[in-house]
């Protein structure tokens, strides 16, 4: 099960000008960074369920608690 934490801001990987080019809302961008604590995956997408699906699929088999997801509320 994904643990959600809502945060005030996250970096944008998708420029608002790109939205018109993707009317179906299927554009997803990912940034992978290796940190001292492991690997950080930053995802930006027009539909949060797509980012969550990616995150759940890259979680290791030993992660019993599920992935942690920081999410920004927009709108």
C-alpha atoms as a PDB file:
ATOM      1  CA  UNK A   1       0.000   0.000   0.000  1.00  0.00           C
ATOM      2  CA  UNK A   2       1.346   3.403  -0.953  1.00  0.00           C
ATOM      3  CA  UNK A   3       1.940   5.829   1.923  1.00  0.00           C
ATOM      4  CA  UNK A   4       0.972   9.363   0.820  1.00  0.00           C
ATOM      5  CA  UNK A   5       2.473  12.492   2.332  1.00  0.00           C
ATOM      6  CA  UNK A   6       1.175  15.800   1.011  1.00  0.00           C
ATOM      7  CA  UNK A   7       3.833  18.493   0.604  1.00  0.00           C
ATOM      8  CA  UNK A   8       3.554  22.189  -0.334  1.00  0.00           C
ATOM      9  CA  UNK A   9       5.748  21.951  -3.429  1.00  0.00           C
ATOM     10  CA  UNK A  10       7.699  19.621  -5.702  1.00  0.00           C
ATOM     11  CA  UNK A  11       9.830  20.404  -8.773  1.00  0.00           C
ATOM     12  CA  UNK A  12       7.964  20.585 -12.081  1.00  0.00           C
ATOM     13  CA  UNK A  13       9.203  18.236 -14.780  1.00  0.00           C
ATOM     14  CA  UNK A  14       6.399  19.117 -17.197  1.00  0.00           C
ATOM     15  CA  UNK A  15       6.009  22.646 -18.530  1.00  0.00           C
ATOM     16  CA  UNK A  16       2.403  23.905 -18.613  1.00  0.00           C
ATOM     17  CA  UNK A  17       2.842  24.656 -22.336  1.00  0.00           C
ATOM     18  CA  UNK A  18       3.122  20.888 -22.955  1.00  0.00           C
ATOM     19  CA  UNK A  19      -0.385  20.127 -21.721  1.00  0.00           C
ATOM     20  CA  UNK A  20      -1.997  21.121 -25.029  1.00  0.00           C
ATOM     21  CA  UNK A  21       0.221  18.605 -26.866  1.00  0.00           C
ATOM     22  CA  UNK A  22      -1.091  15.778 -24.662  1.00  0.00           C
ATOM     23  CA  UNK A  23      -4.894  16.155 -24.469  1.00  0.00           C
ATOM     24  CA  UNK A  24      -5.252  12.577 -23.197  1.00  0.00           C
ATOM     25  CA  UNK A  25      -3.140  13.447 -20.152  1.00  0.00           C
ATOM     26  CA  UNK A  26      -0.719  10.568 -20.695  1.00  0.00           C
ATOM     27  CA  UNK A  27       2.589  12.466 -20.446  1.00  0.00           C
ATOM     28  CA  UNK A  28       4.812  11.289 -17.570  1.00  0.00           C
ATOM     29  CA  UNK A  29       8.354  12.427 -16.816  1.00  0.00           C
ATOM     30  CA  UNK A  30      10.733  10.785 -14.351  1.00  0.00           C
ATOM     31  CA  UNK A  31      13.995  11.883 -12.739  1.00  0.00           C
ATOM     32  CA  UNK A  32      16.118   9.299 -10.922  1.00  0.00           C
ATOM     33  CA  UNK A  33      18.715  10.515  -8.422  1.00  0.00           C
ATOM     34  CA  UNK A  34      21.122   8.451  -6.318  1.00  0.00           C
ATOM     35  CA  UNK A  35      21.398   9.938  -2.815  1.00  0.00           C
ATOM     36  CA  UNK A  36      23.198   8.988   0.397  1.00  0.00           C
ATOM     37  CA  UNK A  37      19.969   7.285   1.522  1.00  0.00           C
ATOM     38  CA  UNK A  38      19.300   5.329  -1.659  1.00  0.00           C
ATOM     39  CA  UNK A  39      17.499   6.135  -4.877  1.00  0.00           C
ATOM     40  CA  UNK A  40      14.984   8.945  -5.246  1.00  0.00           C
ATOM     41  CA  UNK A  41      12.444   8.818  -8.053  1.00  0.00           C
ATOM     42  CA  UNK A  42      10.729  12.086  -8.902  1.00  0.00           C
ATOM     43  CA  UNK A  43       7.774  11.787 -11.204  1.00  0.00           C
ATOM     44  CA  UNK A  44       5.553  14.394 -12.768  1.00  0.00           C
ATOM     45  CA  UNK A  45       2.408  13.471 -14.590  1.00  0.00           C
ATOM     46  CA  UNK A  46      -0.922  14.848 -15.592  1.00  0.00           C
ATOM     47  CA  UNK A  47      -2.687  11.996 -13.810  1.00  0.00           C
ATOM     48  CA  UNK A  48      -1.419  11.003 -10.329  1.00  0.00           C
ATOM     49  CA  UNK A  49      -2.556   7.388 -10.747  1.00  0.00           C
ATOM     50  CA  UNK A  50       0.051   6.910 -13.487  1.00  0.00           C
ATOM     51  CA  UNK A  51       2.879   8.091 -11.232  1.00  0.00           C
ATOM     52  CA  UNK A  52       1.638   5.874  -8.413  1.00  0.00           C
ATOM     53  CA  UNK A  53       1.580   2.845 -10.748  1.00  0.00           C
ATOM     54  CA  UNK A  54       5.205   3.474 -11.742  1.00  0.00           C
ATOM     55  CA  UNK A  55       6.249   3.862  -8.114  1.00  0.00           C
ATOM     56  CA  UNK A  56       4.539   0.626  -7.087  1.00  0.00           C
ATOM     57  CA  UNK A  57       6.287  -1.258  -9.895  1.00  0.00           C
ATOM     58  CA  UNK A  58       9.799  -0.130  -8.953  1.00  0.00           C
ATOM     59  CA  UNK A  59       9.473  -0.978  -5.264  1.00  0.00           C
ATOM     60  CA  UNK A  60      11.719  -3.834  -4.231  1.00  0.00           C
ATOM     61  CA  UNK A  61      10.362  -7.232  -3.166  1.00  0.00           C
ATOM     62  CA  UNK A  62      11.584  -6.743   0.426  1.00  0.00           C
ATOM     63  CA  UNK A  63       9.586  -3.555   0.967  1.00  0.00           C
ATOM     64  CA  UNK A  64       6.731  -4.897   3.112  1.00  0.00           C
ATOM     65  CA  UNK A  65       5.330  -1.465   3.922  1.00  0.00           C
ATOM     66  CA  UNK A  66       4.991  -0.328   0.321  1.00  0.00           C
ATOM     67  CA  UNK A  67       6.366   2.782  -1.341  1.00  0.00           C
ATOM     68  CA  UNK A  68       6.306   6.264   0.139  1.00  0.00           C
ATOM     69  CA  UNK A  69       4.891   8.955  -2.118  1.00  0.00           C
ATOM     70  CA  UNK A  70       5.137  12.690  -1.577  1.00  0.00           C
ATOM     71  CA  UNK A  71       2.321  14.355  -3.453  1.00  0.00           C
ATOM     72  CA  UNK A  72       1.489  17.977  -4.091  1.00  0.00           C
ATOM     73  CA  UNK A  73      -2.104  19.127  -4.336  1.00  0.00           C
ATOM     74  CA  UNK A  74      -2.577  21.428  -7.295  1.00  0.00           C
ATOM     75  CA  UNK A  75      -5.420  23.281  -8.843  1.00  0.00           C
END
